[in-house]
Amino acid sequence: MKAVLKNYRQSPRKVRLIADLVRGKNANEALTILKFVDKRAAGPFAKVIASAIANAKDHGKNVDKLYIKRVAVDKAPVLKRFMPRARGSASRINKRNSHISVELGEK
């Protein structure tokens, strides 16, 4: 079963640190790990996993046998902002976004 969070307002590079922690783990174990991770992306990531578990429940899967089969953190559209600089110039600030997708499998 799948769940996706699109346009999450944090850089994919930072969110991938969380993805690496839970990849391949049991779904319930992954939620427990995320409760104790001190990163901003841990909360939304836990919601995506919980949503995937709920989707699996609706399809009649056994929740205890679910594991995280595939986790992907992809690049989303970048917000481009400008900061004034010396002598009338400007430099660009990229505000990056991510798409988080989680797929569960049954052991």
PDB file of N, CA and C in Angstrom:
ATOM      1  N   MET A   1       0.833  -1.176   0.000  1.00  0.00           N
ATOM      2  CA  MET A   1       0.000   0.000   0.000  1.00  0.00           C
ATOM      3  C   MET A   1       0.882   1.245   0.000  1.00  0.00           C
ATOM      4  N   LYS A   2       0.359   2.302  -0.580  1.00  0.00           N
ATOM      5  CA  LYS A   2       1.146   3.520  -0.752  1.00  0.00           C
ATOM      6  C   LYS A   2       0.531   4.701  -0.023  1.00  0.00           C
ATOM      7  N   ALA A   3       1.364   5.672   0.270  1.00  0.00           N
ATOM      8  CA  ALA A   3       0.923   6.978   0.752  1.00  0.00           C
ATOM      9  C   ALA A   3       1.946   8.000   0.274  1.00  0.00           C
ATOM     10  N   VAL A   4       1.471   9.200  -0.068  1.00  0.00           N
ATOM     11  CA  VAL A   4       2.338  10.231  -0.636  1.00  0.00           C
ATOM     12  C   VAL A   4       2.051  11.564   0.033  1.00  0.00           C
ATOM     13  N   LEU A   5       3.106  12.308   0.331  1.00  0.00           N
ATOM     14  CA  LEU A   5       2.991  13.690   0.787  1.00  0.00           C
ATOM     15  C   LEU A   5       3.705  14.545  -0.242  1.00  0.00           C
ATOM     16  N   LYS A   6       2.955  15.449  -0.878  1.00  0.00           N
ATOM     17  CA  LYS A   6       3.546  16.287  -1.917  1.00  0.00           C
ATOM     18  C   LYS A   6       3.786  17.694  -1.401  1.00  0.00           C
ATOM     19  N   ASN A   7       4.812  18.322  -1.952  1.00  0.00           N
ATOM     20  CA  ASN A   7       5.171  19.714  -1.670  1.00  0.00           C
ATOM     21  C   ASN A   7       5.410  19.977  -0.190  1.00  0.00           C
ATOM     22  N   TYR A   8       6.155  19.111   0.462  1.00  0.00           N
ATOM     23  CA  TYR A   8       6.543  19.347   1.850  1.00  0.00           C
ATOM     24  C   TYR A   8       7.666  20.372   1.851  1.00  0.00           C
ATOM     25  N   ARG A   9       7.518  21.437   2.655  1.00  0.00           N
ATOM     26  CA  ARG A   9       8.412  22.591   2.611  1.00  0.00           C
ATOM     27  C   ARG A   9       9.692  22.361   3.409  1.00  0.00           C
ATOM     28  N   GLN A  10      10.483  21.394   2.955  1.00  0.00           N
ATOM     29  CA  GLN A  10      11.814  21.192   3.511  1.00  0.00           C
ATOM     30  C   GLN A  10      12.667  20.552   2.424  1.00  0.00           C
ATOM     31  N   SER A  11      13.930  20.823   2.485  1.00  0.00           N
ATOM     32  CA  SER A  11      14.863  20.342   1.478  1.00  0.00           C
ATOM     33  C   SER A  11      14.899  18.806   1.443  1.00  0.00           C
ATOM     34  N   PRO A  12      14.899  18.208   0.237  1.00  0.00           N
ATOM     35  CA  PRO A  12      14.953  16.750   0.131  1.00  0.00           C
ATOM     36  C   PRO A  12      16.190  16.152   0.802  1.00  0.00           C
ATOM     37  N   ARG A  13      17.279  16.884   0.787  1.00  0.00           N
ATOM     38  CA  ARG A  13      18.521  16.395   1.394  1.00  0.00           C
ATOM     39  C   ARG A  13      18.343  16.147   2.886  1.00  0.00           C
ATOM     40  N   LYS A  14      17.595  17.019   3.560  1.00  0.00           N
ATOM     41  CA  LYS A  14      17.362  16.871   4.993  1.00  0.00           C
ATOM     42  C   LYS A  14      16.346  15.773   5.283  1.00  0.00           C
ATOM     43  N   VAL A  15      15.344  15.641   4.412  1.00  0.00           N
ATOM     44  CA  VAL A  15      14.293  14.639   4.621  1.00  0.00           C
ATOM     45  C   VAL A  15      14.835  13.231   4.370  1.00  0.00           C
ATOM     46  N   ARG A  16      15.812  13.109   3.461  1.00  0.00           N
ATOM     47  CA  ARG A  16      16.387  11.786   3.164  1.00  0.00           C
ATOM     48  C   ARG A  16      17.103  11.185   4.361  1.00  0.00           C
ATOM     49  N   LEU A  17      17.569  12.019   5.283  1.00  0.00           N
ATOM     50  CA  LEU A  17      18.197  11.497   6.501  1.00  0.00           C
ATOM     51  C   LEU A  17      17.201  10.658   7.299  1.00  0.00           C
ATOM     52  N   ILE A  18      15.938  11.108   7.328  1.00  0.00           N
ATOM     53  CA  ILE A  18      14.884  10.370   8.026  1.00  0.00           C
ATOM     54  C   ILE A  18      14.516   9.113   7.240  1.00  0.00           C
ATOM     55  N   ALA A  19      14.462   9.243   5.910  1.00  0.00           N
ATOM     56  CA  ALA A  19      14.103   8.106   5.062  1.00  0.00           C
ATOM     57  C   ALA A  19      15.083   6.948   5.250  1.00  0.00           C
ATOM     58  N   ASP A  20      16.364   7.275   5.400  1.00  0.00           N
ATOM     59  CA  ASP A  20      17.383   6.238   5.572  1.00  0.00           C
ATOM     60  C   ASP A  20      17.227   5.491   6.903  1.00  0.00           C
ATOM     61  N   LEU A  21      16.671   6.183   7.907  1.00  0.00           N
ATOM     62  CA  LEU A  21      16.473   5.543   9.214  1.00  0.00           C
ATOM     63  C   LEU A  21      15.420   4.441   9.170  1.00  0.00           C
ATOM     64  N   VAL A  22      14.343   4.650   8.401  1.00  0.00           N
ATOM     65  CA  VAL A  22      13.199   3.733   8.463  1.00  0.00           C
ATOM     66  C   VAL A  22      13.130   2.746   7.305  1.00  0.00           C
ATOM     67  N   ARG A  23      13.968   2.907   6.315  1.00  0.00           N
ATOM     68  CA  ARG A  23      13.913   2.033   5.136  1.00  0.00           C
ATOM     69  C   ARG A  23      14.131   0.573   5.514  1.00  0.00           C
ATOM     70  N   GLY A  24      13.182  -0.302   5.110  1.00  0.00           N
ATOM     71  CA  GLY A  24      13.300  -1.737   5.364  1.00  0.00           C
ATOM     72  C   GLY A  24      12.820  -2.202   6.727  1.00  0.00           C
ATOM     73  N   LYS A  25      12.431  -1.289   7.589  1.00  0.00           N
ATOM     74  CA  LYS A  25      12.003  -1.646   8.942  1.00  0.00           C
ATOM     75  C   LYS A  25      10.534  -2.081   8.960  1.00  0.00           C
ATOM     76  N   ASN A  26      10.139  -2.725  10.051  1.00  0.00           N
ATOM     77  CA  ASN A  26       8.743  -3.036  10.303  1.00  0.00           C
ATOM     78  C   ASN A  26       7.989  -1.708  10.448  1.00  0.00           C
ATOM     79  N   ALA A  27       6.753  -1.621   9.977  1.00  0.00           N
ATOM     80  CA  ALA A  27       6.018  -0.355   9.958  1.00  0.00           C
ATOM     81  C   ALA A  27       5.795   0.205  11.357  1.00  0.00           C
ATOM     82  N   ASN A  28       5.382  -0.638  12.296  1.00  0.00           N
ATOM     83  CA  ASN A  28       5.153  -0.166  13.669  1.00  0.00           C
ATOM     84  C   ASN A  28       6.465   0.241  14.346  1.00  0.00           C
ATOM     85  N   GLU A  29       7.521  -0.491  14.046  1.00  0.00           N
ATOM     86  CA  GLU A  29       8.845  -0.168  14.587  1.00  0.00           C
ATOM     87  C   GLU A  29       9.336   1.181  14.044  1.00  0.00           C
ATOM     88  N   ALA A  30       9.041   1.452  12.771  1.00  0.00           N
ATOM     89  CA  ALA A  30       9.434   2.715  12.153  1.00  0.00           C
ATOM     90  C   ALA A  30       8.739   3.893  12.829  1.00  0.00           C
ATOM     91  N   LEU A  31       7.454   3.730  13.152  1.00  0.00           N
ATOM     92  CA  LEU A  31       6.729   4.799  13.845  1.00  0.00           C
ATOM     93  C   LEU A  31       7.330   5.065  15.225  1.00  0.00           C
ATOM     94  N   THR A  32       7.739   3.996  15.911  1.00  0.00           N
ATOM     95  CA  THR A  32       8.361   4.148  17.223  1.00  0.00           C
ATOM     96  C   THR A  32       9.694   4.877  17.111  1.00  0.00           C
ATOM     97  N   ILE A  33      10.479   4.544  16.096  1.00  0.00           N
ATOM     98  CA  ILE A  33      11.766   5.207  15.885  1.00  0.00           C
ATOM     99  C   ILE A  33      11.558   6.699  15.639  1.00  0.00           C
ATOM    100  N   LEU A  34      10.561   7.040  14.826  1.00  0.00           N
ATOM    101  CA  LEU A  34      10.323   8.439  14.460  1.00  0.00           C
ATOM    102  C   LEU A  34       9.864   9.294  15.639  1.00  0.00           C
ATOM    103  N   LYS A  35       9.261   8.666  16.645  1.00  0.00           N
ATOM    104  CA  LYS A  35       8.855   9.426  17.829  1.00  0.00           C
ATOM    105  C   LYS A  35      10.052  10.026  18.559  1.00  0.00           C
ATOM    106  N   PHE A  36      11.205   9.359  18.459  1.00  0.00           N
ATOM    107  CA  PHE A  36      12.376   9.772  19.222  1.00  0.00           C
ATOM    108  C   PHE A  36      13.447  10.457  18.375  1.00  0.00           C
ATOM    109  N   VAL A  37      13.159  10.688  17.108  1.00  0.00           N
ATOM    110  CA  VAL A  37      14.123  11.366  16.246  1.00  0.00           C
ATOM    111  C   VAL A  37      13.926  12.874  16.373  1.00  0.00           C
ATOM    112  N   ASP A  38      15.028  13.582  16.574  1.00  0.00           N
ATOM    113  CA  ASP A  38      14.967  15.025  16.800  1.00  0.00           C
ATOM    114  C   ASP A  38      15.196  15.786  15.489  1.00  0.00           C
ATOM    115  N   LYS A  39      14.320  15.569  14.525  1.00  0.00           N
ATOM    116  CA  LYS A  39      14.381  16.268  13.247  1.00  0.00           C
ATOM    117  C   LYS A  39      12.986  16.754  12.895  1.00  0.00           C
ATOM    118  N   ARG A  40      12.903  17.880  12.195  1.00  0.00           N
ATOM    119  CA  ARG A  40      11.606  18.464  11.873  1.00  0.00           C
ATOM    120  C   ARG A  40      10.784  17.561  10.948  1.00  0.00           C
ATOM    121  N   ALA A  41      11.443  16.831  10.060  1.00  0.00           N
ATOM    122  CA  ALA A  41      10.740  15.996   9.088  1.00  0.00           C
ATOM    123  C   ALA A  41      10.157  14.730   9.702  1.00  0.00           C
ATOM    124  N   ALA A  42      10.516  14.399  10.935  1.00  0.00           N
ATOM    125  CA  ALA A  42      10.065  13.149  11.548  1.00  0.00           C
ATOM    126  C   ALA A  42       8.547  13.119  11.716  1.00  0.00           C
ATOM    127  N   GLY A  43       7.930  14.238  12.095  1.00  0.00           N
ATOM    128  CA  GLY A  43       6.479  14.293  12.294  1.00  0.00           C
ATOM    129  C   GLY A  43       5.687  14.012  11.022  1.00  0.00           C
ATOM    130  N   PRO A  44       5.923  14.799   9.948  1.00  0.00           N
ATOM    131  CA  PRO A  44       5.225  14.530   8.690  1.00  0.00           C
ATOM    132  C   PRO A  44       5.523  13.143   8.125  1.00  0.00           C
ATOM    133  N   PHE A  45       6.757  12.660   8.313  1.00  0.00           N
ATOM    134  CA  PHE A  45       7.118  11.331   7.820  1.00  0.00           C
ATOM    135  C   PHE A  45       6.307  10.264   8.537  1.00  0.00           C
ATOM    136  N   ALA A  46       6.128  10.432   9.855  1.00  0.00           N
ATOM    137  CA  ALA A  46       5.327   9.490  10.633  1.00  0.00           C
ATOM    138  C   ALA A  46       3.874   9.498  10.165  1.00  0.00           C
ATOM    139  N   LYS A  47       3.361  10.679   9.813  1.00  0.00           N
ATOM    140  CA  LYS A  47       1.988  10.777   9.306  1.00  0.00           C
ATOM    141  C   LYS A  47       1.820  10.026   7.993  1.00  0.00           C
ATOM    142  N   VAL A  48       2.819  10.117   7.120  1.00  0.00           N
ATOM    143  CA  VAL A  48       2.750   9.413   5.831  1.00  0.00           C
ATOM    144  C   VAL A  48       2.745   7.905   6.061  1.00  0.00           C
ATOM    145  N   ILE A  49       3.587   7.421   6.974  1.00  0.00           N
ATOM    146  CA  ILE A  49       3.634   5.982   7.273  1.00  0.00           C
ATOM    147  C   ILE A  49       2.315   5.529   7.900  1.00  0.00           C
ATOM    148  N   ALA A  50       1.773   6.345   8.801  1.00  0.00           N
ATOM    149  CA  ALA A  50       0.487   6.011   9.429  1.00  0.00           C
ATOM    150  C   ALA A  50      -0.621   5.957   8.386  1.00  0.00           C
ATOM    151  N   SER A  51      -0.576   6.846   7.416  1.00  0.00           N
ATOM    152  CA  SER A  51      -1.565   6.854   6.334  1.00  0.00           C
ATOM    153  C   SER A  51      -1.443   5.592   5.476  1.00  0.00           C
ATOM    154  N   ALA A  52      -0.199   5.181   5.193  1.00  0.00           N
ATOM    155  CA  ALA A  52       0.015   3.955   4.414  1.00  0.00           C
ATOM    156  C   ALA A  52      -0.488   2.734   5.179  1.00  0.00           C
ATOM    157  N   ILE A  53      -0.301   2.723   6.503  1.00  0.00           N
ATOM    158  CA  ILE A  53      -0.807   1.616   7.333  1.00  0.00           C
ATOM    159  C   ILE A  53      -2.338   1.584   7.278  1.00  0.00           C
ATOM    160  N   ALA A  54      -2.966   2.758   7.354  1.00  0.00           N
ATOM    161  CA  ALA A  54      -4.435   2.836   7.282  1.00  0.00           C
ATOM    162  C   ALA A  54      -4.937   2.352   5.928  1.00  0.00           C
ATOM    163  N   ASN A  55      -4.212   2.694   4.851  1.00  0.00           N
ATOM    164  CA  ASN A  55      -4.586   2.223   3.518  1.00  0.00           C
ATOM    165  C   ASN A  55      -4.485   0.699   3.429  1.00  0.00           C
ATOM    166  N   ALA A  56      -3.453   0.135   4.054  1.00  0.00           N
ATOM    167  CA  ALA A  56      -3.280  -1.317   4.048  1.00  0.00           C
ATOM    168  C   ALA A  56      -4.396  -1.992   4.836  1.00  0.00           C
ATOM    169  N   LYS A  57      -4.783  -1.370   5.959  1.00  0.00           N
ATOM    170  CA  LYS A  57      -5.868  -1.908   6.784  1.00  0.00           C
ATOM    171  C   LYS A  57      -7.170  -1.977   5.988  1.00  0.00           C
ATOM    172  N   ASP A  58      -7.422  -0.927   5.196  1.00  0.00           N
ATOM    173  CA  ASP A  58      -8.631  -0.882   4.363  1.00  0.00           C
ATOM    174  C   ASP A  58      -8.643  -1.981   3.305  1.00  0.00           C
ATOM    175  N   HIS A  59      -7.459  -2.389   2.875  1.00  0.00           N
ATOM    176  CA  HIS A  59      -7.356  -3.460   1.879  1.00  0.00           C
ATOM    177  C   HIS A  59      -7.279  -4.844   2.517  1.00  0.00           C
ATOM    178  N   GLY A  60      -7.442  -4.912   3.845  1.00  0.00           N
ATOM    179  CA  GLY A  60      -7.501  -6.196   4.534  1.00  0.00           C
ATOM    180  C   GLY A  60      -6.165  -6.841   4.820  1.00  0.00           C
ATOM    181  N   LYS A  61      -5.098  -6.063   4.860  1.00  0.00           N
ATOM    182  CA  LYS A  61      -3.770  -6.615   5.159  1.00  0.00           C
ATOM    183  C   LYS A  61      -3.583  -6.727   6.676  1.00  0.00           C
ATOM    184  N   ASN A  62      -2.691  -7.632   7.081  1.00  0.00           N
ATOM    185  CA  ASN A  62      -2.359  -7.796   8.493  1.00  0.00           C
ATOM    186  C   ASN A  62      -1.329  -6.721   8.875  1.00  0.00           C
ATOM    187  N   VAL A  63      -1.691  -5.847   9.813  1.00  0.00           N
ATOM    188  CA  VAL A  63      -0.859  -4.696  10.170  1.00  0.00           C
ATOM    189  C   VAL A  63       0.470  -5.122  10.796  1.00  0.00           C
ATOM    190  N   ASP A  64       0.485  -6.236  11.518  1.00  0.00           N
ATOM    191  CA  ASP A  64       1.703  -6.671  12.198  1.00  0.00           C
ATOM    192  C   ASP A  64       2.773  -7.174  11.224  1.00  0.00           C
ATOM    193  N   LYS A  65       2.364  -7.585  10.039  1.00  0.00           N
ATOM    194  CA  LYS A  65       3.312  -8.129   9.062  1.00  0.00           C
ATOM    195  C   LYS A  65       3.811  -7.094   8.062  1.00  0.00           C
ATOM    196  N   LEU A  66       3.377  -5.846   8.190  1.00  0.00           N
ATOM    197  CA  LEU A  66       3.761  -4.814   7.225  1.00  0.00           C
ATOM    198  C   LEU A  66       5.179  -4.314   7.487  1.00  0.00           C
ATOM    199  N   TYR A  67       5.908  -4.087   6.402  1.00  0.00           N
ATOM    200  CA  TYR A  67       7.234  -3.478   6.508  1.00  0.00           C
ATOM    201  C   TYR A  67       7.363  -2.411   5.422  1.00  0.00           C
ATOM    202  N   ILE A  68       8.330  -1.548   5.582  1.00  0.00           N
ATOM    203  CA  ILE A  68       8.511  -0.459   4.624  1.00  0.00           C
ATOM    204  C   ILE A  68       9.331  -0.977   3.452  1.00  0.00           C
ATOM    205  N   LYS A  69       8.633  -1.171   2.350  1.00  0.00           N
ATOM    206  CA  LYS A  69       9.218  -1.772   1.162  1.00  0.00           C
ATOM    207  C   LYS A  69      10.025  -0.750   0.360  1.00  0.00           C
ATOM    208  N   ARG A  70       9.455   0.441   0.207  1.00  0.00           N
ATOM    209  CA  ARG A  70      10.104   1.468  -0.609  1.00  0.00           C
ATOM    210  C   ARG A  70       9.826   2.843  -0.019  1.00  0.00           C
ATOM    211  N   VAL A  71      10.871   3.653   0.095  1.00  0.00           N
ATOM    212  CA  VAL A  71      10.741   5.036   0.549  1.00  0.00           C
ATOM    213  C   VAL A  71      11.447   5.901  -0.476  1.00  0.00           C
ATOM    214  N   ALA A  72      10.767   6.943  -0.946  1.00  0.00           N
ATOM    215  CA  ALA A  72      11.388   7.860  -1.905  1.00  0.00           C
ATOM    216  C   ALA A  72      11.148   9.292  -1.462  1.00  0.00           C
ATOM    217  N   VAL A  73      12.212  10.072  -1.479  1.00  0.00           N
ATOM    218  CA  VAL A  73      12.106  11.506  -1.222  1.00  0.00           C
ATOM    219  C   VAL A  73      12.614  12.188  -2.479  1.00  0.00           C
ATOM    220  N   ASP A  74      11.685  12.779  -3.224  1.00  0.00           N
ATOM    221  CA  ASP A  74      12.012  13.376  -4.507  1.00  0.00           C
ATOM    222  C   ASP A  74      11.960  14.894  -4.447  1.00  0.00           C
ATOM    223  N   LYS A  75      12.574  15.498  -5.442  1.00  0.00           N
ATOM    224  CA  LYS A  75      12.598  16.950  -5.550  1.00  0.00           C
ATOM    225  C   LYS A  75      11.235  17.459  -6.012  1.00  0.00           C
ATOM    226  N   ALA A  76      10.772  18.545  -5.419  1.00  0.00           N
ATOM    227  CA  ALA A  76       9.520  19.191  -5.808  1.00  0.00           C
ATOM    228  C   ALA A  76       9.865  20.575  -6.363  1.00  0.00           C
ATOM    229  N   PRO A  77       8.886  21.320  -6.874  1.00  0.00           N
ATOM    230  CA  PRO A  77       9.191  22.657  -7.407  1.00  0.00           C
ATOM    231  C   PRO A  77       9.858  23.557  -6.359  1.00  0.00           C
ATOM    232  N   VAL A  78      10.818  24.336  -6.811  1.00  0.00           N
ATOM    233  CA  VAL A  78      11.601  25.200  -5.936  1.00  0.00           C
ATOM    234  C   VAL A  78      11.036  26.615  -5.967  1.00  0.00           C
ATOM    235  N   LEU A  79      10.835  27.203  -4.774  1.00  0.00           N
ATOM    236  CA  LEU A  79      10.438  28.605  -4.696  1.00  0.00           C
ATOM    237  C   LEU A  79      11.704  29.445  -4.800  1.00  0.00           C
ATOM    238  N   LYS A  80      11.710  30.415  -5.722  1.00  0.00           N
ATOM    239  CA  LYS A  80      12.896  31.240  -5.923  1.00  0.00           C
ATOM    240  C   LYS A  80      12.650  32.620  -5.346  1.00  0.00           C
ATOM    241  N   ARG A  81      13.506  33.017  -4.425  1.00  0.00           N
ATOM    242  CA  ARG A  81      13.401  34.323  -3.780  1.00  0.00           C
ATOM    243  C   ARG A  81      14.715  35.061  -3.968  1.00  0.00           C
ATOM    244  N   PHE A  82      14.685  36.383  -3.806  1.00  0.00           N
ATOM    245  CA  PHE A  82      15.893  37.175  -4.009  1.00  0.00           C
ATOM    246  C   PHE A  82      16.204  38.016  -2.784  1.00  0.00           C
ATOM    247  N   MET A  83      17.490  38.128  -2.484  1.00  0.00           N
ATOM    248  CA  MET A  83      17.983  38.904  -1.349  1.00  0.00           C
ATOM    249  C   MET A  83      18.851  40.037  -1.903  1.00  0.00           C
ATOM    250  N   PRO A  84      18.584  41.288  -1.497  1.00  0.00           N
ATOM    251  CA  PRO A  84      19.409  42.405  -1.972  1.00  0.00           C
ATOM    252  C   PRO A  84      20.858  42.254  -1.500  1.00  0.00           C
ATOM    253  N   ARG A  85      21.769  42.637  -2.354  1.00  0.00           N
ATOM    254  CA  ARG A  85      23.195  42.577  -2.048  1.00  0.00           C
ATOM    255  C   ARG A  85      23.835  43.940  -2.301  1.00  0.00           C
ATOM    256  N   ALA A  86      25.117  43.967  -2.114  1.00  0.00           N
ATOM    257  CA  ALA A  86      25.850  45.227  -2.243  1.00  0.00           C
ATOM    258  C   ALA A  86      25.832  45.750  -3.682  1.00  0.00           C
ATOM    259  N   ARG A  87      25.909  47.085  -3.812  1.00  0.00           N
ATOM    260  CA  ARG A  87      26.033  47.772  -5.092  1.00  0.00           C
ATOM    261  C   ARG A  87      24.876  47.458  -6.039  1.00  0.00           C
ATOM    262  N   GLY A  88      23.675  47.307  -5.499  1.00  0.00           N
ATOM    263  CA  GLY A  88      22.479  47.181  -6.328  1.00  0.00           C
ATOM    264  C   GLY A  88      22.248  45.821  -6.950  1.00  0.00           C
ATOM    265  N   SER A  89      22.997  44.835  -6.546  1.00  0.00           N
ATOM    266  CA  SER A  89      22.796  43.506  -7.129  1.00  0.00           C
ATOM    267  C   SER A  89      21.887  42.682  -6.216  1.00  0.00           C
ATOM    268  N   ALA A  90      21.581  41.475  -6.628  1.00  0.00           N
ATOM    269  CA  ALA A  90      20.735  40.588  -5.827  1.00  0.00           C
ATOM    270  C   ALA A  90      21.249  39.166  -5.988  1.00  0.00           C
ATOM    271  N   SER A  91      21.049  38.362  -4.954  1.00  0.00           N
ATOM    272  CA  SER A  91      21.410  36.950  -5.051  1.00  0.00           C
ATOM    273  C   SER A  91      20.163  36.112  -4.816  1.00  0.00           C
ATOM    274  N   ARG A  92      20.149  34.958  -5.425  1.00  0.00           N
ATOM    275  CA  ARG A  92      18.964  34.104  -5.367  1.00  0.00           C
ATOM    276  C   ARG A  92      18.995  33.194  -4.148  1.00  0.00           C
ATOM    277  N   ILE A  93      17.833  32.995  -3.543  1.00  0.00           N
ATOM    278  CA  ILE A  93      17.660  32.038  -2.457  1.00  0.00           C
ATOM    279  C   ILE A  93      16.672  30.989  -2.941  1.00  0.00           C
ATOM    280  N   ASN A  94      17.089  29.733  -2.906  1.00  0.00           N
ATOM    281  CA  ASN A  94      16.212  28.633  -3.333  1.00  0.00           C
ATOM    282  C   ASN A  94      15.549  28.031  -2.106  1.00  0.00           C
ATOM    283  N   LYS A  95      14.238  28.042  -2.091  1.00  0.00           N
ATOM    284  CA  LYS A  95      13.491  27.397  -1.013  1.00  0.00           C
ATOM    285  C   LYS A  95      12.982  26.077  -1.574  1.00  0.00           C
ATOM    286  N   ARG A  96      13.661  25.014  -1.195  1.00  0.00           N
ATOM    287  CA  ARG A  96      13.396  23.706  -1.807  1.00  0.00           C
ATOM    288  C   ARG A  96      12.235  22.978  -1.125  1.00  0.00           C
ATOM    289  N   ASN A  97      11.530  22.171  -1.921  1.00  0.00           N
ATOM    290  CA  ASN A  97      10.408  21.365  -1.443  1.00  0.00           C
ATOM    291  C   ASN A  97      10.678  19.903  -1.761  1.00  0.00           C
ATOM    292  N   SER A  98       9.942  18.999  -1.099  1.00  0.00           N
ATOM    293  CA  SER A  98      10.106  17.565  -1.334  1.00  0.00           C
ATOM    294  C   SER A  98       8.773  16.870  -1.518  1.00  0.00           C
ATOM    295  N   HIS A  99       8.814  15.773  -2.248  1.00  0.00           N
ATOM    296  CA  HIS A  99       7.702  14.834  -2.326  1.00  0.00           C
ATOM    297  C   HIS A  99       8.153  13.577  -1.572  1.00  0.00           C
ATOM    298  N   ILE A 100       7.348  13.162  -0.571  1.00  0.00           N
ATOM    299  CA  ILE A 100       7.674  11.966   0.202  1.00  0.00           C
ATOM    300  C   ILE A 100       6.683  10.873  -0.178  1.00  0.00           C
ATOM    301  N   SER A 101       7.195   9.707  -0.595  1.00  0.00           N
ATOM    302  CA  SER A 101       6.294   8.591  -0.883  1.00  0.00           C
ATOM    303  C   SER A 101       6.785   7.341  -0.167  1.00  0.00           C
ATOM    304  N   VAL A 102       5.824   6.615   0.411  1.00  0.00           N
ATOM    305  CA  VAL A 102       6.120   5.408   1.185  1.00  0.00           C
ATOM    306  C   VAL A 102       5.273   4.274   0.637  1.00  0.00           C
ATOM    307  N   GLU A 103       5.909   3.128   0.419  1.00  0.00           N
ATOM    308  CA  GLU A 103       5.186   1.933  -0.024  1.00  0.00           C
ATOM    309  C   GLU A 103       5.440   0.815   0.973  1.00  0.00           C
ATOM    310  N   LEU A 104       4.371   0.189   1.421  1.00  0.00           N
ATOM    311  CA  LEU A 104       4.479  -0.909   2.386  1.00  0.00           C
ATOM    312  C   LEU A 104       4.300  -2.254   1.688  1.00  0.00           C
ATOM    313  N   GLY A 105       4.978  -3.257   2.194  1.00  0.00           N
ATOM    314  CA  GLY A 105       4.807  -4.617   1.715  1.00  0.00           C
ATOM    315  C   GLY A 105       4.449  -5.514   2.884  1.00  0.00           C
ATOM    316  N   GLU A 106       4.031  -6.728   2.564  1.00  0.00           N
ATOM    317  CA  GLU A 106       3.642  -7.676   3.611  1.00  0.00           C
ATOM    318  C   GLU A 106       4.642  -8.833   3.627  1.00  0.00           C
ATOM    319  N   LYS A 107       5.163  -9.142   4.820  1.00  0.00           N
ATOM    320  CA  LYS A 107       6.125 -10.246   4.942  1.00  0.00           C
ATOM    321  C   LYS A 107       5.401 -11.562   5.076  1.00  0.00           C
TER     322      LYS A 107
END
